[in-house]
């Protein structure tokens, strides 16, 4: 979020409210993010929708998780790929990978597709994993807004069929009073790689499509 989405939002904020400063704290996991908000370190958090959160939560859209391969990869000319087609591929994994029901997300979805992912390298940051994938080390997964935005289009990006989506939102401990304007801006400003919330859905929380049944929220 801090790399792929927030720079555009912050720039718009500075143009329209130059007298109001912002302080950004970045965390490597959603657990750390939620903990810091609960302790009052920040006025609000922007990230995956929390589960069982007691304070206000405002959905702002969904991020799509895509796959990254080098330009010369045999799959590079396609727009999407079925996960089972990658059973013989090596993967570039990241410490920031979502965890579902106590296990890394990729392990679970690959198991559901009939194989175990073969890890070529582990990285600490998503941007590093994307660079490794672009260089041909292995396939990596990353939010579309990060790959198509700040990291740059120096690799091929593939959607997953069916797509992997994660609900995003703003949440805090108390009512969003002073932070309400920022929340509204985030929800209305067009951002590449973020899909707006879709009206008519029973819940703003949507798991990745391949999480199985019953569905689990990806954290």
Protein backbone atom coordinates (compact mmCIF):
# COMPACT_ATOMS: atom_id res chain seq x y z
CA UNK A 1 0.00 0.00 0.00
CA UNK A 2 2.72 2.47 0.96
CA UNK A 3 4.52 1.96 -2.35
CA UNK A 4 1.76 1.33 -4.86
CA UNK A 5 -1.24 3.35 -3.61
CA UNK A 6 -0.44 5.99 -1.01
CA UNK A 7 2.02 8.23 -2.94
CA UNK A 8 -0.75 9.41 -5.26
CA UNK A 9 -3.12 9.93 -2.34
CA UNK A 10 -0.52 11.85 -0.33
CA UNK A 11 0.33 14.06 -3.31
CA UNK A 12 -3.34 14.97 -3.79
CA UNK A 13 -3.66 15.67 -0.06
CA UNK A 14 -0.67 18.02 -0.09
CA UNK A 15 -2.06 19.96 -3.04
CA UNK A 16 -5.46 20.46 -1.43
CA UNK A 17 -4.43 20.72 2.26
CA UNK A 18 -0.85 22.03 2.34
CA UNK A 19 -1.15 23.08 5.97
CA UNK A 20 -2.02 19.60 7.28
CA UNK A 21 0.96 17.28 7.69
CA UNK A 22 0.89 13.50 7.50
CA UNK A 23 3.12 10.93 9.23
CA UNK A 24 3.38 7.47 7.65
CA UNK A 25 4.34 4.39 9.68
CA UNK A 26 5.05 1.24 7.64
CA UNK A 27 4.72 -2.32 8.93
CA UNK A 28 5.66 -5.65 7.40
CA UNK A 29 2.56 -7.56 8.52
CA UNK A 30 -1.12 -6.94 9.12
CA UNK A 31 -0.74 -8.21 12.69
CA UNK A 32 1.81 -5.50 13.42
CA UNK A 33 -0.38 -2.89 11.73
CA UNK A 34 -3.43 -3.81 13.80
CA UNK A 35 -1.38 -3.92 17.01
CA UNK A 36 -0.05 -0.40 16.47
CA UNK A 37 -3.52 1.00 15.86
CA UNK A 38 -4.87 -0.74 18.96
CA UNK A 39 -2.07 0.85 20.99
CA UNK A 40 -2.85 4.31 19.63
CA UNK A 41 0.39 4.75 17.69
CA UNK A 42 -1.57 5.87 14.62
CA UNK A 43 -4.90 7.61 14.05
CA UNK A 44 -5.87 5.13 11.34
CA UNK A 45 -4.57 2.22 9.32
CA UNK A 46 -4.81 1.52 5.60
CA UNK A 47 -4.55 -2.12 4.62
CA UNK A 48 -6.35 -5.46 4.42
CA UNK A 49 -9.68 -5.41 6.24
CA UNK A 50 -9.19 -6.74 9.78
CA UNK A 51 -11.22 -9.66 11.11
CA UNK A 52 -13.26 -9.04 14.25
CA UNK A 53 -12.16 -5.42 14.58
CA UNK A 54 -14.04 -3.54 17.33
CA UNK A 55 -13.60 -0.03 15.91
CA UNK A 56 -14.85 1.60 12.71
CA UNK A 57 -13.90 0.00 9.39
CA UNK A 58 -14.43 1.68 6.00
CA UNK A 59 -13.95 -0.52 2.89
CA UNK A 60 -12.19 1.32 0.05
CA UNK A 61 -11.85 -1.41 -2.57
CA UNK A 62 -10.03 -4.60 -3.52
CA UNK A 63 -6.48 -5.25 -4.61
CA UNK A 64 -5.75 -7.92 -7.18
CA UNK A 65 -2.77 -10.19 -6.59
CA UNK A 66 -0.98 -10.95 -9.85
CA UNK A 67 1.93 -13.11 -10.95
CA UNK A 68 5.23 -11.71 -12.22
CA UNK A 69 7.45 -13.38 -14.83
CA UNK A 70 10.24 -12.06 -17.11
CA UNK A 71 9.41 -10.69 -20.54
CA UNK A 72 10.89 -13.77 -22.29
CA UNK A 73 8.82 -16.27 -20.28
CA UNK A 74 6.62 -18.58 -22.42
CA UNK A 75 3.57 -17.28 -20.53
CA UNK A 76 4.44 -13.61 -20.96
CA UNK A 77 2.02 -13.01 -23.83
CA UNK A 78 -1.03 -14.15 -21.88
CA UNK A 79 -3.32 -12.08 -19.68
CA UNK A 80 -4.04 -14.81 -17.13
CA UNK A 81 -2.99 -18.32 -16.16
CA UNK A 82 -4.44 -21.20 -14.18
CA UNK A 83 -2.42 -21.98 -11.08
CA UNK A 84 -2.11 -25.66 -12.06
CA UNK A 85 -0.08 -24.56 -15.10
CA UNK A 86 2.71 -23.46 -12.75
CA UNK A 87 3.15 -26.78 -10.97
CA UNK A 88 6.66 -27.27 -12.38
CA UNK A 89 7.81 -23.69 -11.77
CA UNK A 90 10.07 -22.30 -9.06
CA UNK A 91 8.79 -19.42 -6.94
CA UNK A 92 10.27 -16.30 -5.41
CA UNK A 93 8.63 -16.07 -1.98
CA UNK A 94 8.36 -13.08 0.34
CA UNK A 95 8.22 -12.74 4.12
CA UNK A 96 5.24 -10.39 3.63
CA UNK A 97 3.16 -13.15 2.00
CA UNK A 98 -0.36 -13.32 3.50
CA UNK A 99 -1.11 -16.05 6.03
CA UNK A 100 -4.38 -18.00 5.84
CA UNK A 101 -5.40 -20.25 8.73
CA UNK A 102 -1.86 -20.33 10.06
CA UNK A 103 -0.01 -21.14 6.83
CA UNK A 104 1.44 -19.10 3.95
CA UNK A 105 -1.17 -18.32 1.32
CA UNK A 106 0.77 -19.78 -1.61
CA UNK A 107 1.20 -23.14 0.15
CA UNK A 108 -2.56 -23.45 0.61
CA UNK A 109 -3.67 -22.50 -2.89
CA UNK A 110 -1.00 -24.63 -4.55
CA UNK A 111 -2.03 -27.61 -2.45
CA UNK A 112 -5.63 -27.07 -3.57
CA UNK A 113 -4.35 -27.04 -7.17
CA UNK A 114 -2.60 -30.38 -6.65
CA UNK A 115 1.04 -29.47 -6.07
CA UNK A 116 3.50 -28.02 -3.58
CA UNK A 117 5.31 -24.81 -4.60
CA UNK A 118 9.05 -25.17 -5.15
CA UNK A 119 10.77 -22.16 -3.58
CA UNK A 120 13.84 -20.76 -5.33
CA UNK A 121 14.52 -17.92 -2.89
CA UNK A 122 12.93 -16.13 0.06
CA UNK A 123 13.01 -12.33 0.23
CA UNK A 124 12.06 -9.80 2.89
CA UNK A 125 10.18 -7.33 0.68
CA UNK A 126 7.65 -7.69 -2.12
CA UNK A 127 9.51 -5.24 -4.35
CA UNK A 128 12.62 -7.44 -4.11
CA UNK A 129 10.61 -10.53 -5.04
CA UNK A 130 9.25 -8.71 -8.10
CA UNK A 131 12.77 -7.75 -9.22
CA UNK A 132 13.93 -11.34 -8.75
CA UNK A 133 11.03 -12.61 -10.85
CA UNK A 134 11.71 -10.05 -13.58
CA UNK A 135 15.30 -11.31 -13.71
CA UNK A 136 14.12 -14.90 -14.21
CA UNK A 137 14.76 -16.37 -10.76
CA UNK A 138 11.19 -17.67 -10.47
CA UNK A 139 7.54 -16.67 -10.44
CA UNK A 140 6.47 -14.19 -7.77
CA UNK A 141 3.12 -12.82 -6.68
CA UNK A 142 2.44 -9.20 -5.77
CA UNK A 143 -0.38 -6.65 -5.62
CA UNK A 144 -1.17 -5.28 -9.08
CA UNK A 145 -0.88 -1.68 -7.87
CA UNK A 146 2.72 -2.29 -6.83
CA UNK A 147 3.82 -4.08 -9.99
CA UNK A 148 2.10 -1.75 -12.44
CA UNK A 149 2.88 1.38 -10.46
CA UNK A 150 5.96 2.25 -8.47
CA UNK A 151 8.05 -0.83 -9.28
CA UNK A 152 7.71 -0.25 -13.02
CA UNK A 153 6.65 -2.23 -16.04
CA UNK A 154 9.91 -4.06 -16.72
CA UNK A 155 8.35 -7.51 -16.43
CA UNK A 156 5.30 -9.44 -17.62
CA UNK A 157 2.24 -9.47 -15.37
CA UNK A 158 -0.29 -12.31 -15.37
CA UNK A 159 -3.64 -12.48 -13.65
CA UNK A 160 -4.69 -15.71 -11.96
CA UNK A 161 -7.80 -17.50 -13.22
CA UNK A 162 -9.93 -17.26 -11.11
CA UNK A 163 -8.50 -13.97 -9.79
CA UNK A 164 -6.99 -13.50 -6.35
CA UNK A 165 -8.59 -10.50 -4.64
CA UNK A 166 -8.15 -8.98 -1.18
CA UNK A 167 -10.45 -6.42 0.41
CA UNK A 168 -8.81 -3.18 1.57
CA UNK A 169 -10.03 -0.55 3.96
CA UNK A 170 -9.36 2.11 6.55
CA UNK A 171 -9.79 1.23 10.21
CA UNK A 172 -9.17 2.88 13.57
CA UNK A 173 -9.88 2.54 17.29
CA UNK A 174 -12.32 5.44 17.46
CA UNK A 175 -14.66 7.31 15.13
CA UNK A 176 -12.94 8.74 12.05
CA UNK A 177 -13.39 12.43 12.85
CA UNK A 178 -10.23 14.34 11.96
CA UNK A 179 -9.16 11.51 9.66
CA UNK A 180 -12.49 11.36 7.84
CA UNK A 181 -11.31 13.62 5.00
CA UNK A 182 -8.31 11.39 4.31
CA UNK A 183 -10.51 8.29 4.34
CA UNK A 184 -12.93 9.88 1.89
CA UNK A 185 -10.06 10.87 -0.41
CA UNK A 186 -8.65 7.35 -0.39
CA UNK A 187 -12.02 5.91 -1.28
CA UNK A 188 -12.77 8.28 -4.15
CA UNK A 189 -9.39 8.90 -5.82
CA UNK A 190 -8.86 6.57 -8.82
CA UNK A 191 -5.86 4.34 -8.14
CA UNK A 192 -4.38 1.87 -10.62
CA UNK A 193 -4.68 -1.70 -9.39
CA UNK A 194 -7.44 -1.00 -6.84
CA UNK A 195 -11.00 -2.01 -7.66
CA UNK A 196 -13.76 0.02 -5.98
CA UNK A 197 -16.15 -1.79 -3.63
CA UNK A 198 -18.95 -3.41 -5.57
CA UNK A 199 -22.50 -2.51 -4.50
CA UNK A 200 -24.84 -5.31 -3.56
CA UNK A 201 -22.27 -7.66 -2.06
CA UNK A 202 -23.35 -9.05 1.33
CA UNK A 203 -19.96 -8.32 2.89
CA UNK A 204 -17.05 -6.03 2.01
CA UNK A 205 -14.66 -8.85 2.93
CA UNK A 206 -13.77 -11.15 0.04
CA UNK A 207 -11.11 -13.85 0.34
CA UNK A 208 -8.75 -14.80 -2.40
CA UNK A 209 -10.80 -16.92 -4.79
CA UNK A 210 -8.80 -20.12 -4.28
CA UNK A 211 -8.91 -20.26 -0.49
CA UNK A 212 -11.40 -23.12 -0.56
CA UNK A 213 -14.63 -23.66 1.29
CA UNK A 214 -15.60 -22.40 3.71
CA UNK A 215 -13.87 -19.20 2.56
CA UNK A 216 -11.33 -17.55 4.83
CA UNK A 217 -10.34 -13.92 4.91
CA UNK A 218 -6.75 -13.47 3.79
CA UNK A 219 -4.85 -11.44 6.38
